[in-house]
Amino acid sequence: MKYKNDHTRKPRLLLERPDPKPSMYINDISRLFMHRVRHECEKQGIAHGYHRLLMELAHEDGVTQLQLVQLTRLTAPTVSVALSKMESDGLVKRIPDIKDMRQMKVYLTDAGREKVECVRRTFREADAVLTKDIPDDELDAAMKIMRRMLINLLEEEDK
């Protein structure tokens, strides 16, 4: 069986399984969603991995590199390399912290803020595709269920 894109093969097979589990759907939906976001961001000139950093900076501009590592759950070397590239692309600037000159704070530039708007638009469009043809009441019910699943996992993590 030939598929248009290899990344869609496994989720298509899941649709044929007689015994799928919620975690299998969640995993495949997440992978396809993020593949779409990555692809659309790259078409807009936003390199892979930048969108996470851009979105965190959009929520809280002027954080340290270590804080970005913690917020994005990316590795320190990944964040370091990405920030260097983003800085050379004019998307961020690093400025010494006035209170602690040993620390560098990362800030979005105007060009970075423009890219944030592209990322937000991309997520909105991907969300629209994800929820297409799902009535509001069913979507509300699914959101409640997924929220409960997240709470269950977080509670288990806290034990």
N, C-alpha and C. Protein backbone atom coordinates (compact mmCIF):
# COMPACT_ATOMS: atom_id res chain seq x y z
N MET A 1 0.84 -1.18 0.00
CA MET A 1 0.00 0.00 0.00
C MET A 1 0.89 1.24 0.00
N LYS A 2 0.66 2.18 -0.91
CA LYS A 2 1.47 3.38 -1.05
C LYS A 2 0.72 4.56 -0.43
N TYR A 3 1.41 5.36 0.36
CA TYR A 3 0.82 6.54 0.98
C TYR A 3 1.51 7.78 0.46
N LYS A 4 0.75 8.87 0.40
CA LYS A 4 1.27 10.15 -0.09
C LYS A 4 2.50 10.58 0.68
N ASN A 5 2.44 10.54 1.98
CA ASN A 5 3.55 10.94 2.84
C ASN A 5 3.84 9.83 3.83
N ASP A 6 5.09 9.50 4.00
CA ASP A 6 5.46 8.40 4.89
C ASP A 6 5.02 8.67 6.34
N HIS A 7 5.03 9.94 6.77
CA HIS A 7 4.66 10.23 8.16
C HIS A 7 3.18 9.95 8.44
N THR A 8 2.38 9.74 7.41
CA THR A 8 0.96 9.44 7.62
C THR A 8 0.67 7.94 7.61
N ARG A 9 1.67 7.12 7.30
CA ARG A 9 1.44 5.68 7.19
C ARG A 9 0.98 5.06 8.51
N LYS A 10 1.72 5.32 9.59
CA LYS A 10 1.38 4.72 10.88
C LYS A 10 0.00 5.16 11.38
N PRO A 11 -0.33 6.46 11.34
CA PRO A 11 -1.69 6.83 11.77
C PRO A 11 -2.78 6.20 10.92
N ARG A 12 -2.54 6.05 9.63
CA ARG A 12 -3.55 5.40 8.78
C ARG A 12 -3.74 3.95 9.21
N LEU A 13 -2.66 3.28 9.57
CA LEU A 13 -2.76 1.91 10.04
C LEU A 13 -3.53 1.84 11.36
N LEU A 14 -3.36 2.85 12.22
CA LEU A 14 -4.07 2.88 13.49
C LEU A 14 -5.58 2.88 13.26
N LEU A 15 -6.02 3.58 12.22
CA LEU A 15 -7.45 3.64 11.92
C LEU A 15 -8.03 2.27 11.57
N GLU A 16 -7.16 1.35 11.16
CA GLU A 16 -7.60 0.01 10.78
C GLU A 16 -7.51 -0.99 11.94
N ARG A 17 -6.89 -0.59 13.05
CA ARG A 17 -6.72 -1.51 14.19
C ARG A 17 -8.04 -1.77 14.90
N PRO A 18 -8.25 -3.01 15.33
CA PRO A 18 -9.49 -3.31 16.05
C PRO A 18 -9.41 -2.93 17.53
N ASP A 19 -8.21 -2.65 18.04
CA ASP A 19 -8.04 -2.45 19.48
C ASP A 19 -7.23 -1.19 19.83
N PRO A 20 -7.50 -0.05 19.20
CA PRO A 20 -6.68 1.13 19.51
C PRO A 20 -6.94 1.62 20.94
N LYS A 21 -5.91 2.19 21.53
CA LYS A 21 -5.99 2.77 22.87
C LYS A 21 -5.96 4.30 22.75
N PRO A 22 -6.51 5.01 23.74
CA PRO A 22 -6.48 6.48 23.67
C PRO A 22 -5.07 7.04 23.48
N SER A 23 -4.11 6.44 24.15
CA SER A 23 -2.73 6.93 24.03
C SER A 23 -2.20 6.83 22.60
N MET A 24 -2.66 5.83 21.86
CA MET A 24 -2.22 5.66 20.48
C MET A 24 -2.76 6.80 19.61
N TYR A 25 -4.03 7.14 19.82
CA TYR A 25 -4.61 8.26 19.07
C TYR A 25 -3.92 9.57 19.45
N ILE A 26 -3.74 9.79 20.75
CA ILE A 26 -3.11 11.03 21.22
C ILE A 26 -1.72 11.17 20.61
N ASN A 27 -0.94 10.10 20.63
CA ASN A 27 0.41 10.14 20.08
C ASN A 27 0.39 10.47 18.59
N ASP A 28 -0.44 9.79 17.83
CA ASP A 28 -0.46 10.01 16.38
C ASP A 28 -1.02 11.39 16.02
N ILE A 29 -2.05 11.83 16.73
CA ILE A 29 -2.60 13.16 16.49
C ILE A 29 -1.53 14.22 16.76
N SER A 30 -0.83 14.08 17.88
CA SER A 30 0.21 15.04 18.24
C SER A 30 1.33 15.07 17.18
N ARG A 31 1.76 13.90 16.75
CA ARG A 31 2.83 13.84 15.74
C ARG A 31 2.40 14.49 14.43
N LEU A 32 1.20 14.17 13.95
CA LEU A 32 0.72 14.76 12.70
C LEU A 32 0.52 16.26 12.83
N PHE A 33 -0.02 16.68 13.97
CA PHE A 33 -0.24 18.11 14.21
C PHE A 33 1.08 18.86 14.18
N MET A 34 2.07 18.35 14.92
CA MET A 34 3.36 19.04 14.98
C MET A 34 4.10 18.95 13.64
N HIS A 35 3.93 17.88 12.89
CA HIS A 35 4.52 17.80 11.56
C HIS A 35 3.95 18.92 10.68
N ARG A 36 2.64 19.11 10.76
CA ARG A 36 2.00 20.17 9.99
C ARG A 36 2.52 21.54 10.40
N VAL A 37 2.60 21.78 11.70
CA VAL A 37 3.09 23.08 12.20
C VAL A 37 4.52 23.31 11.74
N ARG A 38 5.39 22.30 11.89
CA ARG A 38 6.79 22.43 11.46
C ARG A 38 6.87 22.75 9.97
N HIS A 39 6.12 22.01 9.18
CA HIS A 39 6.14 22.19 7.72
C HIS A 39 5.68 23.60 7.35
N GLU A 40 4.58 24.05 7.94
CA GLU A 40 4.05 25.38 7.62
C GLU A 40 4.99 26.48 8.12
N CYS A 41 5.58 26.30 9.29
CA CYS A 41 6.55 27.28 9.80
C CYS A 41 7.76 27.38 8.88
N GLU A 42 8.26 26.24 8.42
CA GLU A 42 9.41 26.24 7.53
C GLU A 42 9.09 26.94 6.22
N LYS A 43 7.84 26.80 5.73
CA LYS A 43 7.43 27.52 4.52
C LYS A 43 7.46 29.03 4.74
N GLN A 44 7.28 29.46 6.00
CA GLN A 44 7.30 30.88 6.35
C GLN A 44 8.70 31.36 6.75
N GLY A 45 9.70 30.49 6.59
CA GLY A 45 11.07 30.86 6.92
C GLY A 45 11.40 30.74 8.39
N ILE A 46 10.61 29.96 9.11
CA ILE A 46 10.86 29.76 10.54
C ILE A 46 11.45 28.37 10.69
N ALA A 47 12.73 28.31 11.00
CA ALA A 47 13.44 27.03 11.07
C ALA A 47 12.87 26.13 12.15
N HIS A 48 13.07 24.83 11.94
CA HIS A 48 12.61 23.82 12.88
C HIS A 48 13.15 24.12 14.29
N GLY A 49 12.29 24.10 15.27
CA GLY A 49 12.70 24.34 16.64
C GLY A 49 12.56 25.79 17.09
N TYR A 50 12.57 26.71 16.14
CA TYR A 50 12.44 28.13 16.51
C TYR A 50 11.07 28.43 17.11
N HIS A 51 10.02 27.76 16.62
CA HIS A 51 8.68 28.14 17.05
C HIS A 51 8.49 27.98 18.56
N ARG A 52 9.11 26.98 19.15
CA ARG A 52 8.97 26.79 20.60
C ARG A 52 9.61 27.95 21.36
N LEU A 53 10.80 28.33 20.92
CA LEU A 53 11.50 29.43 21.57
C LEU A 53 10.76 30.75 21.35
N LEU A 54 10.31 30.97 20.13
CA LEU A 54 9.57 32.19 19.83
C LEU A 54 8.32 32.31 20.68
N MET A 55 7.59 31.21 20.82
CA MET A 55 6.34 31.26 21.59
C MET A 55 6.60 31.49 23.08
N GLU A 56 7.66 30.89 23.60
CA GLU A 56 7.98 31.13 25.02
C GLU A 56 8.39 32.58 25.24
N LEU A 57 9.17 33.12 24.33
CA LEU A 57 9.57 34.53 24.44
C LEU A 57 8.37 35.46 24.26
N ALA A 58 7.41 35.05 23.44
CA ALA A 58 6.20 35.86 23.27
C ALA A 58 5.41 35.91 24.57
N HIS A 59 5.43 34.82 25.33
CA HIS A 59 4.73 34.79 26.62
C HIS A 59 5.49 35.53 27.70
N GLU A 60 6.81 35.42 27.65
CA GLU A 60 7.63 36.07 28.67
C GLU A 60 8.96 36.48 28.04
N ASP A 61 8.99 37.69 27.53
CA ASP A 61 10.19 38.23 26.90
C ASP A 61 11.20 38.60 27.98
N GLY A 62 12.46 38.42 27.67
CA GLY A 62 13.50 38.81 28.63
C GLY A 62 13.81 37.75 29.66
N VAL A 63 13.85 36.50 29.22
CA VAL A 63 14.22 35.40 30.12
C VAL A 63 15.64 34.96 29.81
N THR A 64 16.22 34.20 30.72
CA THR A 64 17.58 33.70 30.50
C THR A 64 17.53 32.45 29.62
N GLN A 65 18.69 32.10 29.12
CA GLN A 65 18.81 30.90 28.31
C GLN A 65 18.42 29.66 29.12
N LEU A 66 18.82 29.61 30.38
CA LEU A 66 18.47 28.48 31.25
C LEU A 66 16.95 28.39 31.43
N GLN A 67 16.31 29.53 31.59
CA GLN A 67 14.85 29.53 31.72
C GLN A 67 14.20 29.00 30.45
N LEU A 68 14.75 29.35 29.29
CA LEU A 68 14.22 28.83 28.03
C LEU A 68 14.38 27.32 27.93
N VAL A 69 15.50 26.82 28.43
CA VAL A 69 15.72 25.37 28.46
C VAL A 69 14.62 24.72 29.29
N GLN A 70 14.34 25.28 30.45
CA GLN A 70 13.33 24.72 31.34
C GLN A 70 11.93 24.84 30.76
N LEU A 71 11.63 25.98 30.16
CA LEU A 71 10.29 26.22 29.61
C LEU A 71 9.99 25.36 28.38
N THR A 72 10.99 25.16 27.53
CA THR A 72 10.77 24.43 26.28
C THR A 72 11.05 22.95 26.41
N ARG A 73 11.75 22.57 27.47
CA ARG A 73 12.19 21.17 27.67
C ARG A 73 13.13 20.71 26.55
N LEU A 74 13.81 21.67 25.93
CA LEU A 74 14.86 21.36 24.96
C LEU A 74 16.17 21.27 25.72
N THR A 75 17.16 20.65 25.13
CA THR A 75 18.45 20.56 25.82
C THR A 75 19.17 21.90 25.76
N ALA A 76 20.07 22.12 26.70
CA ALA A 76 20.83 23.37 26.75
C ALA A 76 21.60 23.61 25.46
N PRO A 77 22.31 22.60 24.91
CA PRO A 77 23.02 22.83 23.65
C PRO A 77 22.07 23.18 22.49
N THR A 78 20.91 22.55 22.45
CA THR A 78 19.94 22.85 21.39
C THR A 78 19.49 24.30 21.47
N VAL A 79 19.17 24.75 22.67
CA VAL A 79 18.74 26.14 22.87
C VAL A 79 19.87 27.10 22.53
N SER A 80 21.06 26.78 22.97
CA SER A 80 22.21 27.64 22.70
C SER A 80 22.45 27.83 21.20
N VAL A 81 22.46 26.72 20.47
CA VAL A 81 22.68 26.78 19.02
C VAL A 81 21.54 27.52 18.34
N ALA A 82 20.31 27.21 18.73
CA ALA A 82 19.14 27.86 18.12
C ALA A 82 19.17 29.36 18.38
N LEU A 83 19.49 29.77 19.61
CA LEU A 83 19.52 31.20 19.92
C LEU A 83 20.61 31.92 19.12
N SER A 84 21.75 31.27 18.95
CA SER A 84 22.82 31.88 18.15
C SER A 84 22.35 32.11 16.71
N LYS A 85 21.68 31.11 16.15
CA LYS A 85 21.16 31.24 14.79
C LYS A 85 20.06 32.29 14.73
N MET A 86 19.18 32.27 15.73
CA MET A 86 18.09 33.24 15.76
C MET A 86 18.62 34.66 15.91
N GLU A 87 19.69 34.80 16.67
CA GLU A 87 20.30 36.11 16.84
C GLU A 87 20.91 36.59 15.52
N SER A 88 21.58 35.69 14.82
CA SER A 88 22.17 36.08 13.53
C SER A 88 21.09 36.33 12.48
N ASP A 89 19.92 35.71 12.64
CA ASP A 89 18.79 35.96 11.74
C ASP A 89 18.01 37.21 12.13
N GLY A 90 18.40 37.84 13.24
CA GLY A 90 17.75 39.06 13.67
C GLY A 90 16.42 38.87 14.37
N LEU A 91 16.18 37.66 14.90
CA LEU A 91 14.91 37.37 15.57
C LEU A 91 14.95 37.64 17.06
N VAL A 92 16.12 37.50 17.67
CA VAL A 92 16.29 37.75 19.10
C VAL A 92 17.56 38.56 19.33
N LYS A 93 17.62 39.15 20.51
CA LYS A 93 18.86 39.81 20.94
C LYS A 93 19.10 39.40 22.38
N ARG A 94 20.37 39.28 22.71
CA ARG A 94 20.75 38.94 24.09
C ARG A 94 21.38 40.18 24.71
N ILE A 95 20.86 40.52 25.88
CA ILE A 95 21.31 41.72 26.58
C ILE A 95 21.67 41.34 28.01
N PRO A 96 22.82 41.84 28.52
CA PRO A 96 23.17 41.54 29.91
C PRO A 96 22.10 42.03 30.88
N ASP A 97 21.85 41.23 31.90
CA ASP A 97 20.88 41.58 32.94
C ASP A 97 21.45 42.73 33.75
N ILE A 98 20.69 43.77 33.94
CA ILE A 98 21.13 44.96 34.69
C ILE A 98 21.44 44.60 36.14
N LYS A 99 20.63 43.71 36.73
CA LYS A 99 20.81 43.33 38.13
C LYS A 99 21.95 42.34 38.34
N ASP A 100 22.21 41.51 37.33
CA ASP A 100 23.26 40.49 37.43
C ASP A 100 23.96 40.39 36.08
N MET A 101 25.05 41.10 35.93
CA MET A 101 25.74 41.21 34.64
C MET A 101 26.28 39.86 34.14
N ARG A 102 26.26 38.83 35.00
CA ARG A 102 26.70 37.51 34.56
C ARG A 102 25.62 36.83 33.71
N GLN A 103 24.41 37.30 33.87
CA GLN A 103 23.26 36.71 33.16
C GLN A 103 22.97 37.48 31.88
N MET A 104 22.58 36.72 30.85
CA MET A 104 22.13 37.34 29.60
C MET A 104 20.63 37.07 29.47
N LYS A 105 19.90 38.10 29.17
CA LYS A 105 18.45 37.96 28.95
C LYS A 105 18.21 37.93 27.45
N VAL A 106 17.24 37.14 27.04
CA VAL A 106 16.91 37.00 25.63
C VAL A 106 15.61 37.74 25.36
N TYR A 107 15.63 38.58 24.32
CA TYR A 107 14.47 39.38 23.95
C TYR A 107 14.15 39.19 22.47
N LEU A 108 12.86 39.26 22.15
CA LEU A 108 12.44 39.24 20.76
C LEU A 108 12.74 40.59 20.12
N THR A 109 13.12 40.56 18.86
CA THR A 109 13.24 41.79 18.08
C THR A 109 11.90 41.99 17.36
N ASP A 110 11.77 43.10 16.64
CA ASP A 110 10.55 43.31 15.85
C ASP A 110 10.37 42.19 14.83
N ALA A 111 11.47 41.77 14.21
CA ALA A 111 11.40 40.66 13.24
C ALA A 111 10.97 39.38 13.95
N GLY A 112 11.42 39.17 15.16
CA GLY A 112 11.02 38.00 15.94
C GLY A 112 9.54 38.03 16.27
N ARG A 113 9.03 39.22 16.60
CA ARG A 113 7.60 39.36 16.90
C ARG A 113 6.75 39.06 15.65
N GLU A 114 7.25 39.47 14.49
CA GLU A 114 6.54 39.14 13.24
C GLU A 114 6.48 37.62 13.04
N LYS A 115 7.57 36.95 13.35
CA LYS A 115 7.59 35.48 13.22
C LYS A 115 6.65 34.84 14.23
N VAL A 116 6.53 35.43 15.41
CA VAL A 116 5.58 34.92 16.42
C VAL A 116 4.17 34.95 15.85
N GLU A 117 3.83 36.04 15.15
CA GLU A 117 2.49 36.13 14.56
C GLU A 117 2.30 35.06 13.50
N CYS A 118 3.34 34.74 12.73
CA CYS A 118 3.27 33.65 11.75
C CYS A 118 3.03 32.32 12.46
N VAL A 119 3.74 32.09 13.55
CA VAL A 119 3.59 30.84 14.31
C VAL A 119 2.18 30.75 14.88
N ARG A 120 1.69 31.83 15.45
CA ARG A 120 0.32 31.82 16.01
C ARG A 120 -0.70 31.51 14.92
N ARG A 121 -0.55 32.14 13.77
CA ARG A 121 -1.46 31.89 12.65
C ARG A 121 -1.39 30.42 12.22
N THR A 122 -0.18 29.88 12.18
CA THR A 122 0.01 28.48 11.81
C THR A 122 -0.70 27.55 12.79
N PHE A 123 -0.57 27.82 14.08
CA PHE A 123 -1.26 26.99 15.08
C PHE A 123 -2.77 27.13 14.97
N ARG A 124 -3.26 28.36 14.73
CA ARG A 124 -4.71 28.54 14.57
C ARG A 124 -5.23 27.74 13.38
N GLU A 125 -4.49 27.80 12.26
CA GLU A 125 -4.90 27.06 11.06
C GLU A 125 -4.84 25.55 11.29
N ALA A 126 -3.81 25.09 11.98
CA ALA A 126 -3.70 23.65 12.27
C ALA A 126 -4.82 23.22 13.22
N ASP A 127 -5.15 24.05 14.20
CA ASP A 127 -6.27 23.74 15.10
C ASP A 127 -7.58 23.66 14.33
N ALA A 128 -7.75 24.55 13.35
CA ALA A 128 -8.98 24.54 12.55
C ALA A 128 -9.09 23.23 11.76
N VAL A 129 -7.97 22.77 11.20
CA VAL A 129 -7.98 21.49 10.48
C VAL A 129 -8.28 20.35 11.45
N LEU A 130 -7.64 20.39 12.61
CA LEU A 130 -7.81 19.34 13.62
C LEU A 130 -9.26 19.19 14.06
N THR A 131 -9.96 20.30 14.19
CA THR A 131 -11.31 20.27 14.76
C THR A 131 -12.42 20.41 13.71
N LYS A 132 -12.03 20.40 12.44
CA LYS A 132 -13.01 20.55 11.35
C LYS A 132 -14.11 19.49 11.46
N ASP A 133 -15.33 19.92 11.27
CA ASP A 133 -16.51 19.05 11.25
C ASP A 133 -16.81 18.39 12.60
N ILE A 134 -16.25 18.90 13.67
CA ILE A 134 -16.58 18.38 15.01
C ILE A 134 -17.50 19.40 15.66
N PRO A 135 -18.73 19.02 15.98
CA PRO A 135 -19.66 19.95 16.63
C PRO A 135 -19.10 20.46 17.97
N ASP A 136 -19.46 21.68 18.31
CA ASP A 136 -18.95 22.31 19.53
C ASP A 136 -19.18 21.47 20.78
N ASP A 137 -20.35 20.85 20.90
CA ASP A 137 -20.63 20.07 22.11
C ASP A 137 -19.71 18.85 22.20
N GLU A 138 -19.41 18.23 21.06
CA GLU A 138 -18.50 17.08 21.06
C GLU A 138 -17.07 17.53 21.34
N LEU A 139 -16.70 18.68 20.79
CA LEU A 139 -15.36 19.20 21.05
C LEU A 139 -15.20 19.57 22.52
N ASP A 140 -16.23 20.18 23.11
CA ASP A 140 -16.20 20.51 24.54
C ASP A 140 -16.04 19.24 25.38
N ALA A 141 -16.78 18.19 25.03
CA ALA A 141 -16.68 16.92 25.77
C ALA A 141 -15.28 16.33 25.62
N ALA A 142 -14.73 16.36 24.41
CA ALA A 142 -13.37 15.83 24.19
C ALA A 142 -12.35 16.64 24.99
N MET A 143 -12.51 17.95 25.03
CA MET A 143 -11.59 18.80 25.80
C MET A 143 -11.64 18.45 27.29
N LYS A 144 -12.82 18.22 27.82
CA LYS A 144 -12.96 17.83 29.23
C LYS A 144 -12.26 16.50 29.50
N ILE A 145 -12.43 15.57 28.57
CA ILE A 145 -11.80 14.26 28.74
C ILE A 145 -10.28 14.39 28.68
N MET A 146 -9.78 15.13 27.70
CA MET A 146 -8.32 15.30 27.59
C MET A 146 -7.74 16.05 28.79
N ARG A 147 -8.50 17.01 29.30
CA ARG A 147 -8.05 17.73 30.50
C ARG A 147 -7.93 16.76 31.67
N ARG A 148 -8.93 15.88 31.82
CA ARG A 148 -8.89 14.89 32.90
C ARG A 148 -7.71 13.94 32.72
N MET A 149 -7.43 13.54 31.48
CA MET A 149 -6.28 12.67 31.21
C MET A 149 -4.98 13.36 31.62
N LEU A 150 -4.87 14.64 31.30
CA LEU A 150 -3.67 15.39 31.68
C LEU A 150 -3.55 15.47 33.20
N ILE A 151 -4.65 15.77 33.86
CA ILE A 151 -4.64 15.83 35.33
C ILE A 151 -4.22 14.48 35.91
N ASN A 152 -4.76 13.39 35.36
CA ASN A 152 -4.40 12.06 35.84
C ASN A 152 -2.90 11.83 35.75
N LEU A 153 -2.31 12.17 34.61
CA LEU A 153 -0.87 11.96 34.43
C LEU A 153 -0.05 12.86 35.35
N LEU A 154 -0.49 14.11 35.50
CA LEU A 154 0.23 15.03 36.39
C LEU A 154 0.16 14.56 37.85
N GLU A 155 -1.01 14.08 38.26
CA GLU A 155 -1.14 13.57 39.63
C GLU A 155 -0.23 12.38 39.84
N GLU A 156 -0.12 11.52 38.86
CA GLU A 156 0.76 10.35 38.97
C GLU A 156 2.21 10.79 39.04
N GLU A 157 2.57 11.82 38.29
CA GLU A 157 3.94 12.35 38.31
C GLU A 157 4.29 12.90 39.70
N ASP A 158 3.30 13.49 40.37
CA ASP A 158 3.53 14.12 41.67
C ASP A 158 3.66 13.12 42.81
N LYS A 159 3.33 11.86 42.57
CA LYS A 159 3.41 10.85 43.65
C LYS A 159 4.84 10.55 44.01
